[in-house]
Amino acid sequence: MYWLLLIIAGVLEAGWLIGIEKSEAFSKIPYVVFAVACMSASLLLFGVSLKQIPAPMAYLVWLAVGVLSITLIKYAFFGYSISAKQLLCFALILAGVAGLKLSG
């Protein structure tokens, strides 16, 4: 349950980053509202996940999921390209997070 909340928090982190980017220096209010909503929900879920997941592990997973999510969202919806080297690096990030989870 707490791991699922943490993953959702990571995806929401990507949402607020995209919202800030699309707000064009906070001039487009709907994107600002979207960013603030995503940021609030992300931090809330991250905080709840800390009840059962150690902070260093939770923070690492939150960041990794956020990085992967924003890249996939930008690829799927905004024409962002992903190189083979980037895919390899993302696989290494996932392997590192999985390795830390399995070792602890």
PDB file of N, CA and C in Angstrom:
ATOM      1  N   MET A   1       0.823  -1.198   0.000  1.00  0.00           N
ATOM      2  CA  MET A   1       0.000   0.000   0.000  1.00  0.00           C
ATOM      3  C   MET A   1       0.870   1.267   0.000  1.00  0.00           C
ATOM      4  N   TYR A   2       1.855   1.328   0.907  1.00  0.00           N
ATOM      5  CA  TYR A   2       2.707   2.506   1.000  1.00  0.00           C
ATOM      6  C   TYR A   2       3.594   2.658  -0.235  1.00  0.00           C
ATOM      7  N   TRP A   3       4.015   1.529  -0.808  1.00  0.00           N
ATOM      8  CA  TRP A   3       4.823   1.587  -2.020  1.00  0.00           C
ATOM      9  C   TRP A   3       3.997   2.122  -3.189  1.00  0.00           C
ATOM     10  N   LEU A   4       2.750   1.715  -3.278  1.00  0.00           N
ATOM     11  CA  LEU A   4       1.867   2.216  -4.335  1.00  0.00           C
ATOM     12  C   LEU A   4       1.667   3.722  -4.184  1.00  0.00           C
ATOM     13  N   LEU A   5       1.453   4.183  -2.963  1.00  0.00           N
ATOM     14  CA  LEU A   5       1.305   5.617  -2.723  1.00  0.00           C
ATOM     15  C   LEU A   5       2.565   6.377  -3.126  1.00  0.00           C
ATOM     16  N   LEU A   6       3.705   5.783  -2.854  1.00  0.00           N
ATOM     17  CA  LEU A   6       4.971   6.421  -3.216  1.00  0.00           C
ATOM     18  C   LEU A   6       5.134   6.508  -4.735  1.00  0.00           C
ATOM     19  N   ILE A   7       4.752   5.473  -5.436  1.00  0.00           N
ATOM     20  CA  ILE A   7       4.832   5.490  -6.902  1.00  0.00           C
ATOM     21  C   ILE A   7       3.880   6.532  -7.476  1.00  0.00           C
ATOM     22  N   ILE A   8       2.671   6.607  -6.942  1.00  0.00           N
ATOM     23  CA  ILE A   8       1.722   7.635  -7.389  1.00  0.00           C
ATOM     24  C   ILE A   8       2.286   9.029  -7.114  1.00  0.00           C
ATOM     25  N   ALA A   9       2.919   9.209  -5.956  1.00  0.00           N
ATOM     26  CA  ALA A   9       3.537  10.490  -5.621  1.00  0.00           C
ATOM     27  C   ALA A   9       4.611  10.853  -6.644  1.00  0.00           C
ATOM     28  N   GLY A  10       5.381   9.873  -7.090  1.00  0.00           N
ATOM     29  CA  GLY A  10       6.407  10.117  -8.101  1.00  0.00           C
ATOM     30  C   GLY A  10       5.822  10.526  -9.439  1.00  0.00           C
ATOM     31  N   VAL A  11       4.731   9.909  -9.829  1.00  0.00           N
ATOM     32  CA  VAL A  11       4.068  10.276 -11.084  1.00  0.00           C
ATOM     33  C   VAL A  11       3.501  11.695 -10.976  1.00  0.00           C
ATOM     34  N   LEU A  12       2.934  12.017  -9.815  1.00  0.00           N
ATOM     35  CA  LEU A  12       2.410  13.368  -9.604  1.00  0.00           C
ATOM     36  C   LEU A  12       3.521  14.411  -9.607  1.00  0.00           C
ATOM     37  N   GLU A  13       4.702  14.019  -9.191  1.00  0.00           N
ATOM     38  CA  GLU A  13       5.851  14.929  -9.263  1.00  0.00           C
ATOM     39  C   GLU A  13       6.079  15.339 -10.716  1.00  0.00           C
ATOM     40  N   ALA A  14       5.978  14.391 -11.621  1.00  0.00           N
ATOM     41  CA  ALA A  14       6.119  14.706 -13.045  1.00  0.00           C
ATOM     42  C   ALA A  14       5.016  15.663 -13.488  1.00  0.00           C
ATOM     43  N   GLY A  15       3.820  15.473 -12.953  1.00  0.00           N
ATOM     44  CA  GLY A  15       2.704  16.358 -13.300  1.00  0.00           C
ATOM     45  C   GLY A  15       2.967  17.806 -12.937  1.00  0.00           C
ATOM     46  N   TRP A  16       3.520  18.029 -11.738  1.00  0.00           N
ATOM     47  CA  TRP A  16       3.741  19.426 -11.374  1.00  0.00           C
ATOM     48  C   TRP A  16       4.900  20.034 -12.147  1.00  0.00           C
ATOM     49  N   LEU A  17       5.885  19.233 -12.513  1.00  0.00           N
ATOM     50  CA  LEU A  17       6.979  19.770 -13.327  1.00  0.00           C
ATOM     51  C   LEU A  17       6.491  20.168 -14.721  1.00  0.00           C
ATOM     52  N   ILE A  18       5.643  19.350 -15.292  1.00  0.00           N
ATOM     53  CA  ILE A  18       5.077  19.679 -16.609  1.00  0.00           C
ATOM     54  C   ILE A  18       4.169  20.902 -16.505  1.00  0.00           C
ATOM     55  N   GLY A  19       3.378  20.957 -15.427  1.00  0.00           N
ATOM     56  CA  GLY A  19       2.507  22.117 -15.224  1.00  0.00           C
ATOM     57  C   GLY A  19       3.282  23.410 -15.140  1.00  0.00           C
ATOM     58  N   ILE A  20       4.390  23.402 -14.403  1.00  0.00           N
ATOM     59  CA  ILE A  20       5.215  24.603 -14.289  1.00  0.00           C
ATOM     60  C   ILE A  20       5.807  24.976 -15.650  1.00  0.00           C
ATOM     61  N   GLU A  21       6.284  23.977 -16.369  1.00  0.00           N
ATOM     62  CA  GLU A  21       6.870  24.244 -17.689  1.00  0.00           C
ATOM     63  C   GLU A  21       5.834  24.835 -18.641  1.00  0.00           C
ATOM     64  N   LYS A  22       4.638  24.262 -18.657  1.00  0.00           N
ATOM     65  CA  LYS A  22       3.594  24.705 -19.574  1.00  0.00           C
ATOM     66  C   LYS A  22       2.943  26.021 -19.144  1.00  0.00           C
ATOM     67  N   SER A  23       3.160  26.439 -17.897  1.00  0.00           N
ATOM     68  CA  SER A  23       2.549  27.686 -17.416  1.00  0.00           C
ATOM     69  C   SER A  23       3.215  28.926 -18.002  1.00  0.00           C
ATOM     70  N   GLU A  24       4.359  28.743 -18.663  1.00  0.00           N
ATOM     71  CA  GLU A  24       5.106  29.847 -19.273  1.00  0.00           C
ATOM     72  C   GLU A  24       5.325  30.969 -18.257  1.00  0.00           C
ATOM     73  N   ALA A  25       6.172  30.657 -17.280  1.00  0.00           N
ATOM     74  CA  ALA A  25       6.531  31.614 -16.218  1.00  0.00           C
ATOM     75  C   ALA A  25       5.302  32.040 -15.409  1.00  0.00           C
ATOM     76  N   PHE A  26       4.434  31.078 -15.137  1.00  0.00           N
ATOM     77  CA  PHE A  26       3.245  31.271 -14.309  1.00  0.00           C
ATOM     78  C   PHE A  26       2.236  32.239 -14.916  1.00  0.00           C
ATOM     79  N   SER A  27       2.244  32.384 -16.234  1.00  0.00           N
ATOM     80  CA  SER A  27       1.300  33.290 -16.890  1.00  0.00           C
ATOM     81  C   SER A  27       0.018  32.584 -17.332  1.00  0.00           C
ATOM     82  N   LYS A  28       0.035  31.274 -17.396  1.00  0.00           N
ATOM     83  CA  LYS A  28      -1.165  30.515 -17.777  1.00  0.00           C
ATOM     84  C   LYS A  28      -1.709  29.839 -16.520  1.00  0.00           C
ATOM     85  N   ILE A  29      -2.719  30.456 -15.949  1.00  0.00           N
ATOM     86  CA  ILE A  29      -3.226  30.069 -14.634  1.00  0.00           C
ATOM     87  C   ILE A  29      -3.707  28.613 -14.562  1.00  0.00           C
ATOM     88  N   PRO A  30      -4.400  28.070 -15.569  1.00  0.00           N
ATOM     89  CA  PRO A  30      -4.818  26.661 -15.436  1.00  0.00           C
ATOM     90  C   PRO A  30      -3.633  25.708 -15.214  1.00  0.00           C
ATOM     91  N   TYR A  31      -2.521  25.971 -15.877  1.00  0.00           N
ATOM     92  CA  TYR A  31      -1.338  25.132 -15.683  1.00  0.00           C
ATOM     93  C   TYR A  31      -0.733  25.339 -14.293  1.00  0.00           C
ATOM     94  N   VAL A  32      -0.806  26.551 -13.795  1.00  0.00           N
ATOM     95  CA  VAL A  32      -0.318  26.828 -12.438  1.00  0.00           C
ATOM     96  C   VAL A  32      -1.158  26.064 -11.423  1.00  0.00           C
ATOM     97  N   VAL A  33      -2.474  26.101 -11.590  1.00  0.00           N
ATOM     98  CA  VAL A  33      -3.374  25.373 -10.690  1.00  0.00           C
ATOM     99  C   VAL A  33      -3.095  23.876 -10.756  1.00  0.00           C
ATOM    100  N   PHE A  34      -2.913  23.368 -11.970  1.00  0.00           N
ATOM    101  CA  PHE A  34      -2.585  21.956 -12.148  1.00  0.00           C
ATOM    102  C   PHE A  34      -1.279  21.613 -11.430  1.00  0.00           C
ATOM    103  N   ALA A  35      -0.261  22.463 -11.590  1.00  0.00           N
ATOM    104  CA  ALA A  35       1.040  22.224 -10.962  1.00  0.00           C
ATOM    105  C   ALA A  35       0.918  22.218  -9.442  1.00  0.00           C
ATOM    106  N   VAL A  36       0.208  23.176  -8.884  1.00  0.00           N
ATOM    107  CA  VAL A  36       0.059  23.259  -7.429  1.00  0.00           C
ATOM    108  C   VAL A  36      -0.720  22.056  -6.898  1.00  0.00           C
ATOM    109  N   ALA A  37      -1.756  21.639  -7.617  1.00  0.00           N
ATOM    110  CA  ALA A  37      -2.528  20.468  -7.189  1.00  0.00           C
ATOM    111  C   ALA A  37      -1.667  19.204  -7.208  1.00  0.00           C
ATOM    112  N   CYS A  38      -0.909  19.023  -8.284  1.00  0.00           N
ATOM    113  CA  CYS A  38      -0.034  17.853  -8.376  1.00  0.00           C
ATOM    114  C   CYS A  38       1.046  17.891  -7.304  1.00  0.00           C
ATOM    115  N   MET A  39       1.623  19.063  -7.080  1.00  0.00           N
ATOM    116  CA  MET A  39       2.672  19.203  -6.078  1.00  0.00           C
ATOM    117  C   MET A  39       2.139  18.887  -4.686  1.00  0.00           C
ATOM    118  N   SER A  40       0.979  19.409  -4.376  1.00  0.00           N
ATOM    119  CA  SER A  40       0.386  19.166  -3.055  1.00  0.00           C
ATOM    120  C   SER A  40       0.089  17.689  -2.846  1.00  0.00           C
ATOM    121  N   ALA A  41      -0.532  17.069  -3.843  1.00  0.00           N
ATOM    122  CA  ALA A  41      -0.856  15.648  -3.729  1.00  0.00           C
ATOM    123  C   ALA A  41       0.404  14.796  -3.662  1.00  0.00           C
ATOM    124  N   SER A  42       1.406  15.152  -4.448  1.00  0.00           N
ATOM    125  CA  SER A  42       2.662  14.405  -4.446  1.00  0.00           C
ATOM    126  C   SER A  42       3.320  14.456  -3.071  1.00  0.00           C
ATOM    127  N   LEU A  43       3.418  15.646  -2.513  1.00  0.00           N
ATOM    128  CA  LEU A  43       4.056  15.778  -1.194  1.00  0.00           C
ATOM    129  C   LEU A  43       3.246  15.093  -0.098  1.00  0.00           C
ATOM    130  N   LEU A  44       1.920  15.161  -0.192  1.00  0.00           N
ATOM    131  CA  LEU A  44       1.067  14.486   0.788  1.00  0.00           C
ATOM    132  C   LEU A  44       1.288  12.973   0.743  1.00  0.00           C
ATOM    133  N   LEU A  45       1.248  12.404  -0.458  1.00  0.00           N
ATOM    134  CA  LEU A  45       1.438  10.957  -0.591  1.00  0.00           C
ATOM    135  C   LEU A  45       2.854  10.541  -0.212  1.00  0.00           C
ATOM    136  N   PHE A  46       3.834  11.373  -0.555  1.00  0.00           N
ATOM    137  CA  PHE A  46       5.206  11.090  -0.148  1.00  0.00           C
ATOM    138  C   PHE A  46       5.309  11.054   1.374  1.00  0.00           C
ATOM    139  N   GLY A  47       4.704  12.028   2.025  1.00  0.00           N
ATOM    140  CA  GLY A  47       4.718  12.079   3.484  1.00  0.00           C
ATOM    141  C   GLY A  47       4.053  10.870   4.112  1.00  0.00           C
ATOM    142  N   VAL A  48       2.930  10.439   3.557  1.00  0.00           N
ATOM    143  CA  VAL A  48       2.239   9.261   4.089  1.00  0.00           C
ATOM    144  C   VAL A  48       3.102   8.018   3.918  1.00  0.00           C
ATOM    145  N   SER A  49       3.787   7.922   2.781  1.00  0.00           N
ATOM    146  CA  SER A  49       4.613   6.731   2.534  1.00  0.00           C
ATOM    147  C   SER A  49       5.765   6.623   3.536  1.00  0.00           C
ATOM    148  N   LEU A  50       6.169   7.754   4.103  1.00  0.00           N
ATOM    149  CA  LEU A  50       7.267   7.738   5.079  1.00  0.00           C
ATOM    150  C   LEU A  50       6.902   7.031   6.382  1.00  0.00           C
ATOM    151  N   LYS A  51       5.621   6.734   6.562  1.00  0.00           N
ATOM    152  CA  LYS A  51       5.206   5.975   7.755  1.00  0.00           C
ATOM    153  C   LYS A  51       5.794   4.569   7.750  1.00  0.00           C
ATOM    154  N   GLN A  52       6.006   4.005   6.563  1.00  0.00           N
ATOM    155  CA  GLN A  52       6.480   2.623   6.467  1.00  0.00           C
ATOM    156  C   GLN A  52       7.769   2.447   5.662  1.00  0.00           C
ATOM    157  N   ILE A  53       8.160   3.467   4.933  1.00  0.00           N
ATOM    158  CA  ILE A  53       9.343   3.353   4.081  1.00  0.00           C
ATOM    159  C   ILE A  53      10.396   4.324   4.611  1.00  0.00           C
ATOM    160  N   PRO A  54      11.621   3.853   4.821  1.00  0.00           N
ATOM    161  CA  PRO A  54      12.670   4.762   5.306  1.00  0.00           C
ATOM    162  C   PRO A  54      12.872   5.946   4.357  1.00  0.00           C
ATOM    163  N   ALA A  55      13.108   7.122   4.906  1.00  0.00           N
ATOM    164  CA  ALA A  55      13.194   8.350   4.121  1.00  0.00           C
ATOM    165  C   ALA A  55      14.204   8.284   2.967  1.00  0.00           C
ATOM    166  N   PRO A  56      15.426   7.792   3.181  1.00  0.00           N
ATOM    167  CA  PRO A  56      16.357   7.758   2.039  1.00  0.00           C
ATOM    168  C   PRO A  56      15.850   6.900   0.875  1.00  0.00           C
ATOM    169  N   MET A  57      15.274   5.748   1.189  1.00  0.00           N
ATOM    170  CA  MET A  57      14.738   4.869   0.147  1.00  0.00           C
ATOM    171  C   MET A  57      13.532   5.518  -0.529  1.00  0.00           C
ATOM    172  N   ALA A  58      12.645   6.098   0.270  1.00  0.00           N
ATOM    173  CA  ALA A  58      11.447   6.734  -0.281  1.00  0.00           C
ATOM    174  C   ALA A  58      11.825   7.884  -1.212  1.00  0.00           C
ATOM    175  N   TYR A  59      12.790   8.689  -0.804  1.00  0.00           N
ATOM    176  CA  TYR A  59      13.196   9.829  -1.614  1.00  0.00           C
ATOM    177  C   TYR A  59      13.805   9.368  -2.938  1.00  0.00           C
ATOM    178  N   LEU A  60      14.624   8.350  -2.890  1.00  0.00           N
ATOM    179  CA  LEU A  60      15.232   7.817  -4.101  1.00  0.00           C
ATOM    180  C   LEU A  60      14.168   7.301  -5.069  1.00  0.00           C
ATOM    181  N   VAL A  61      13.216   6.544  -4.551  1.00  0.00           N
ATOM    182  CA  VAL A  61      12.153   5.997  -5.403  1.00  0.00           C
ATOM    183  C   VAL A  61      11.294   7.125  -5.958  1.00  0.00           C
ATOM    184  N   TRP A  62      10.954   8.091  -5.122  1.00  0.00           N
ATOM    185  CA  TRP A  62      10.133   9.235  -5.538  1.00  0.00           C
ATOM    186  C   TRP A  62      10.798   9.971  -6.691  1.00  0.00           C
ATOM    187  N   LEU A  63      12.086  10.245  -6.563  1.00  0.00           N
ATOM    188  CA  LEU A  63      12.815  10.930  -7.628  1.00  0.00           C
ATOM    189  C   LEU A  63      12.920  10.084  -8.887  1.00  0.00           C
ATOM    190  N   ALA A  64      13.236   8.803  -8.726  1.00  0.00           N
ATOM    191  CA  ALA A  64      13.383   7.922  -9.889  1.00  0.00           C
ATOM    192  C   ALA A  64      12.071   7.802 -10.655  1.00  0.00           C
ATOM    193  N   VAL A  65      10.978   7.589  -9.950  1.00  0.00           N
ATOM    194  CA  VAL A  65       9.676   7.494 -10.609  1.00  0.00           C
ATOM    195  C   VAL A  65       9.330   8.815 -11.285  1.00  0.00           C
ATOM    196  N   GLY A  66       9.655   9.927 -10.631  1.00  0.00           N
ATOM    197  CA  GLY A  66       9.398  11.239 -11.230  1.00  0.00           C
ATOM    198  C   GLY A  66      10.167  11.445 -12.523  1.00  0.00           C
ATOM    199  N   VAL A  67      11.440  11.111 -12.511  1.00  0.00           N
ATOM    200  CA  VAL A  67      12.273  11.270 -13.711  1.00  0.00           C
ATOM    201  C   VAL A  67      11.758  10.387 -14.843  1.00  0.00           C
ATOM    202  N   LEU A  68      11.479   9.155 -14.537  1.00  0.00           N
ATOM    203  CA  LEU A  68      10.973   8.248 -15.570  1.00  0.00           C
ATOM    204  C   LEU A  68       9.605   8.698 -16.078  1.00  0.00           C
ATOM    205  N   SER A  69       8.746   9.138 -15.165  1.00  0.00           N
ATOM    206  CA  SER A  69       7.394   9.565 -15.551  1.00  0.00           C
ATOM    207  C   SER A  69       7.420  10.793 -16.449  1.00  0.00           C
ATOM    208  N   ILE A  70       8.212  11.789 -16.063  1.00  0.00           N
ATOM    209  CA  ILE A  70       8.224  13.006 -16.878  1.00  0.00           C
ATOM    210  C   ILE A  70       8.766  12.712 -18.274  1.00  0.00           C
ATOM    211  N   THR A  71       9.746  11.859 -18.357  1.00  0.00           N
ATOM    212  CA  THR A  71      10.297  11.512 -19.672  1.00  0.00           C
ATOM    213  C   THR A  71       9.267  10.771 -20.516  1.00  0.00           C
ATOM    214  N   LEU A  72       8.582   9.811 -19.925  1.00  0.00           N
ATOM    215  CA  LEU A  72       7.567   9.052 -20.670  1.00  0.00           C
ATOM    216  C   LEU A  72       6.378   9.924 -21.064  1.00  0.00           C
ATOM    217  N   ILE A  73       5.957  10.813 -20.171  1.00  0.00           N
ATOM    218  CA  ILE A  73       4.842  11.713 -20.486  1.00  0.00           C
ATOM    219  C   ILE A  73       5.221  12.652 -21.626  1.00  0.00           C
ATOM    220  N   LYS A  74       6.421  13.213 -21.555  1.00  0.00           N
ATOM    221  CA  LYS A  74       6.857  14.118 -22.615  1.00  0.00           C
ATOM    222  C   LYS A  74       7.027  13.371 -23.941  1.00  0.00           C
ATOM    223  N   TYR A  75       7.473  12.116 -23.885  1.00  0.00           N
ATOM    224  CA  TYR A  75       7.606  11.296 -25.095  1.00  0.00           C
ATOM    225  C   TYR A  75       6.224  11.008 -25.698  1.00  0.00           C
ATOM    226  N   ALA A  76       5.279  10.601 -24.855  1.00  0.00           N
ATOM    227  CA  ALA A  76       3.958  10.180 -25.327  1.00  0.00           C
ATOM    228  C   ALA A  76       3.093  11.351 -25.808  1.00  0.00           C
ATOM    229  N   PHE A  77       3.213  12.505 -25.154  1.00  0.00           N
ATOM    230  CA  PHE A  77       2.271  13.587 -25.435  1.00  0.00           C
ATOM    231  C   PHE A  77       2.884  14.852 -26.052  1.00  0.00           C
ATOM    232  N   PHE A  78       4.200  15.006 -25.962  1.00  0.00           N
ATOM    233  CA  PHE A  78       4.793  16.265 -26.394  1.00  0.00           C
ATOM    234  C   PHE A  78       5.923  16.099 -27.413  1.00  0.00           C
ATOM    235  N   GLY A  79       6.048  14.921 -28.000  1.00  0.00           N
ATOM    236  CA  GLY A  79       7.014  14.726 -29.069  1.00  0.00           C
ATOM    237  C   GLY A  79       8.474  14.669 -28.639  1.00  0.00           C
ATOM    238  N   TYR A  80       8.719  14.433 -27.378  1.00  0.00           N
ATOM    239  CA  TYR A  80      10.083  14.328 -26.852  1.00  0.00           C
ATOM    240  C   TYR A  80      10.693  13.025 -27.346  1.00  0.00           C
ATOM    241  N   SER A  81      11.944  13.062 -27.783  1.00  0.00           N
ATOM    242  CA  SER A  81      12.584  11.833 -28.249  1.00  0.00           C
ATOM    243  C   SER A  81      13.460  11.251 -27.135  1.00  0.00           C
ATOM    244  N   ILE A  82      13.593   9.954 -27.166  1.00  0.00           N
ATOM    245  CA  ILE A  82      14.406   9.240 -26.178  1.00  0.00           C
ATOM    246  C   ILE A  82      15.444   8.428 -26.942  1.00  0.00           C
ATOM    247  N   SER A  83      16.712   8.638 -26.615  1.00  0.00           N
ATOM    248  CA  SER A  83      17.783   7.911 -27.297  1.00  0.00           C
ATOM    249  C   SER A  83      18.019   6.550 -26.633  1.00  0.00           C
ATOM    250  N   ALA A  84      18.756   5.725 -27.326  1.00  0.00           N
ATOM    251  CA  ALA A  84      19.102   4.412 -26.774  1.00  0.00           C
ATOM    252  C   ALA A  84      19.946   4.565 -25.504  1.00  0.00           C
ATOM    253  N   LYS A  85      20.828   5.557 -25.485  1.00  0.00           N
ATOM    254  CA  LYS A  85      21.645   5.799 -24.287  1.00  0.00           C
ATOM    255  C   LYS A  85      20.776   6.205 -23.104  1.00  0.00           C
ATOM    256  N   GLN A  86      19.761   7.033 -23.363  1.00  0.00           N
ATOM    257  CA  GLN A  86      18.851   7.428 -22.290  1.00  0.00           C
ATOM    258  C   GLN A  86      18.071   6.221 -21.768  1.00  0.00           C
ATOM    259  N   LEU A  87      17.611   5.368 -22.682  1.00  0.00           N
ATOM    260  CA  LEU A  87      16.892   4.159 -22.266  1.00  0.00           C
ATOM    261  C   LEU A  87      17.778   3.277 -21.389  1.00  0.00           C
ATOM    262  N   LEU A  88      19.031   3.148 -21.762  1.00  0.00           N
ATOM    263  CA  LEU A  88      19.966   2.374 -20.964  1.00  0.00           C
ATOM    264  C   LEU A  88      20.116   2.986 -19.573  1.00  0.00           C
ATOM    265  N   CYS A  89      20.249   4.282 -19.515  1.00  0.00           N
ATOM    266  CA  CYS A  89      20.392   4.956 -18.213  1.00  0.00           C
ATOM    267  C   CYS A  89      19.131   4.797 -17.364  1.00  0.00           C
ATOM    268  N   PHE A  90      17.959   4.883 -17.989  1.00  0.00           N
ATOM    269  CA  PHE A  90      16.717   4.665 -17.244  1.00  0.00           C
ATOM    270  C   PHE A  90      16.648   3.240 -16.711  1.00  0.00           C
ATOM    271  N   ALA A  91      17.095   2.286 -17.512  1.00  0.00           N
ATOM    272  CA  ALA A  91      17.128   0.892 -17.046  1.00  0.00           C
ATOM    273  C   ALA A  91      18.066   0.752 -15.859  1.00  0.00           C
ATOM    274  N   LEU A  92      19.194   1.452 -15.898  1.00  0.00           N
ATOM    275  CA  LEU A  92      20.123   1.413 -14.765  1.00  0.00           C
ATOM    276  C   LEU A  92      19.511   2.035 -13.516  1.00  0.00           C
ATOM    277  N   ILE A  93      18.764   3.117 -13.687  1.00  0.00           N
ATOM    278  CA  ILE A  93      18.078   3.733 -12.547  1.00  0.00           C
ATOM    279  C   ILE A  93      17.100   2.731 -11.933  1.00  0.00           C
ATOM    280  N   LEU A  94      16.295   2.106 -12.787  1.00  0.00           N
ATOM    281  CA  LEU A  94      15.328   1.117 -12.290  1.00  0.00           C
ATOM    282  C   LEU A  94      16.025  -0.057 -11.619  1.00  0.00           C
ATOM    283  N   ALA A  95      17.113  -0.522 -12.211  1.00  0.00           N
ATOM    284  CA  ALA A  95      17.860  -1.637 -11.617  1.00  0.00           C
ATOM    285  C   ALA A  95      18.438  -1.233 -10.269  1.00  0.00           C
ATOM    286  N   GLY A  96      18.933  -0.013 -10.161  1.00  0.00           N
ATOM    287  CA  GLY A  96      19.480   0.459  -8.894  1.00  0.00           C
ATOM    288  C   GLY A  96      18.426   0.549  -7.816  1.00  0.00           C
ATOM    289  N   VAL A  97      17.275   1.087  -8.144  1.00  0.00           N
ATOM    290  CA  VAL A  97      16.178   1.190  -7.175  1.00  0.00           C
ATOM    291  C   VAL A  97      15.706  -0.201  -6.768  1.00  0.00           C
ATOM    292  N   ALA A  98      15.541  -1.085  -7.740  1.00  0.00           N
ATOM    293  CA  ALA A  98      15.110  -2.461  -7.420  1.00  0.00           C
ATOM    294  C   ALA A  98      16.164  -3.161  -6.563  1.00  0.00           C
ATOM    295  N   GLY A  99      17.433  -2.964  -6.889  1.00  0.00           N
ATOM    296  CA  GLY A  99      18.493  -3.576  -6.092  1.00  0.00           C
ATOM    297  C   GLY A  99      18.493  -3.084  -4.658  1.00  0.00           C
ATOM    298  N   LEU A 100      18.293  -1.801  -4.459  1.00  0.00           N
ATOM    299  CA  LEU A 100      18.224  -1.259  -3.100  1.00  0.00           C
ATOM    300  C   LEU A 100      17.017  -1.806  -2.354  1.00  0.00           C
ATOM    301  N   LYS A 101      15.890  -1.918  -3.049  1.00  0.00           N
ATOM    302  CA  LYS A 101      14.684  -2.468  -2.405  1.00  0.00           C
ATOM    303  C   LYS A 101      14.902  -3.909  -2.007  1.00  0.00           C
ATOM    304  N   LEU A 102      15.505  -4.688  -2.874  1.00  0.00           N
ATOM    305  CA  LEU A 102      15.718  -6.109  -2.582  1.00  0.00           C
ATOM    306  C   LEU A 102      16.779  -6.318  -1.504  1.00  0.00           C
ATOM    307  N   SER A 103      17.726  -5.408  -1.397  1.00  0.00           N
ATOM    308  CA  SER A 103      18.799  -5.578  -0.403  1.00  0.00           C
ATOM    309  C   SER A 103      18.400  -5.090   0.978  1.00  0.00           C
ATOM    310  N   GLY A 104      17.324  -4.347   1.067  1.00  0.00           N
ATOM    311  CA  GLY A 104      16.936  -3.781   2.372  1.00  0.00           C
ATOM    312  C   GLY A 104      15.681  -4.299   2.808  1.00  0.00           C
TER     313      GLY A 104
END
